[in-house]
Amino acid sequence: MKIAFYGSSLVSAYWNGAATYYRGLLKALSALGYEITFFEPDVYDRQKNRDIDPPEWCKVVVYNATVDALENVARRAAHADIVVKASGVGFEDELLLNRVLHHARPDALTIFWDVDAPATLAEVRSTPEHPLRQALGKLDLVLTYGGGDPVVSAYRTLGARDCIPVYNALDPETHHPVEPNPAFQADLGFLGNRLPDRESRVEQFFLEPAVRAQTQHFLLGGSGWEDKAMAPNVRRIGHVSTRDHNAFNCTPKAVLNISRESMAANGFSPATRVFEAAGAGACLITDFWEGIELFLKPQEEVLVARDGQDVAAIMNELTRAQAREIGQRALARVLSEHTYDHRATEADKIFREYARMREAAE
């Protein structure tokens, strides 16, 4: 089957947290026999900051950020058996959804794939005439990369025929244990861009514990933190390329996951960082969110902190030997249950089931 996938970017993770998810899932779907074309707009300097070349397992079409170029790529939806419009494409999202649905064949399976459900739902709820709300009844299905029952119920209430989570996971070929890199030496590392929906939680779970644990070294990767006041034991290194994520995760004694406020509030939303860190065999500390136990066992495969005081206490007690044991257990768990091969099998089953339902209804 042919998939036309309209998303933010496959070849660049620059200001594009969904890249790892797209790459892992689409590569695994390709291995199952799907022929995939990924359409992405040239916006936000992503093409200038590519971190992978176009892969063999997916054709990538980059189009200019103009309405004419958008219409040209939307027409190509007519050649696909499955048409996917993702959230947060970055250029004329509502128009793109409209035109893709217009050009999709009547027998094609049409899907809205939400990679940031809390943000999307907040926007749709605040705008009764939002184009996505109007389009939900025309779509066959909504898929999300997180959110659990709260997100599923919300989408069904708004008019979606169905909503199914297909969670983040691990691609063992890209995220795996490597040798430590002295450039990332630290006791606790955190990797994340400065975002309004995350900053206060970074202060609570990372910057305040650094003040409490002055004898330990904290490493901060990500863009936007240059003018942020922080303790002298915090070292800022700016943007970290995806090619260095394994070393970033493997080198510190532990690494920290901090959910955005909306993700933590909804729960059941493991960030790609969770699986990247576990796949590298890192000892992961995460802020608490509902549903973490579905993915990793608290205190055995992941350490859970409810506030910054918990983070500081964990860091003061955690030895490197204990950290290695936790990381190895996490690695074994994700390899056995949470790879993109597992997720692609789920998605394939969903596609085929809903395609059969469409045929039966016609």
Foldseek 3Di string as FASTA:
>chain_A
DEEEAEAQDQQFCVVPQCNLVCVFQQLLLLVVPYAYEYEAECDPCRVVHGPHDPDPSYHYHYFYLDPVRLLVSLLCLCVGQEYEQEPPSPHPSLVSVVSNLVNHDPLHAYEYEYAPQLVVLVVCVVDVVDSVLVCQQVHLEYEYQWQPPVSQVSSVVSPHPGYYYLHAAADLVQFAADDADVVQAWQEEEEDADDPQFPVQCCKAPQVLCVVCVVTAYEYEEPDCPPPDGDPSYDYDYHDRSSCLLNNLNHHLAYEDEDGNSDQVSFGHDRNNLNSNLRNLFAYEYEDHPPPCVQANDPQQHDYDPTNVRNNVCSVPDDSVSRNRSSVVSNVRRVVAGGSNNSNVVVVVVSVVSSVVSVVVD
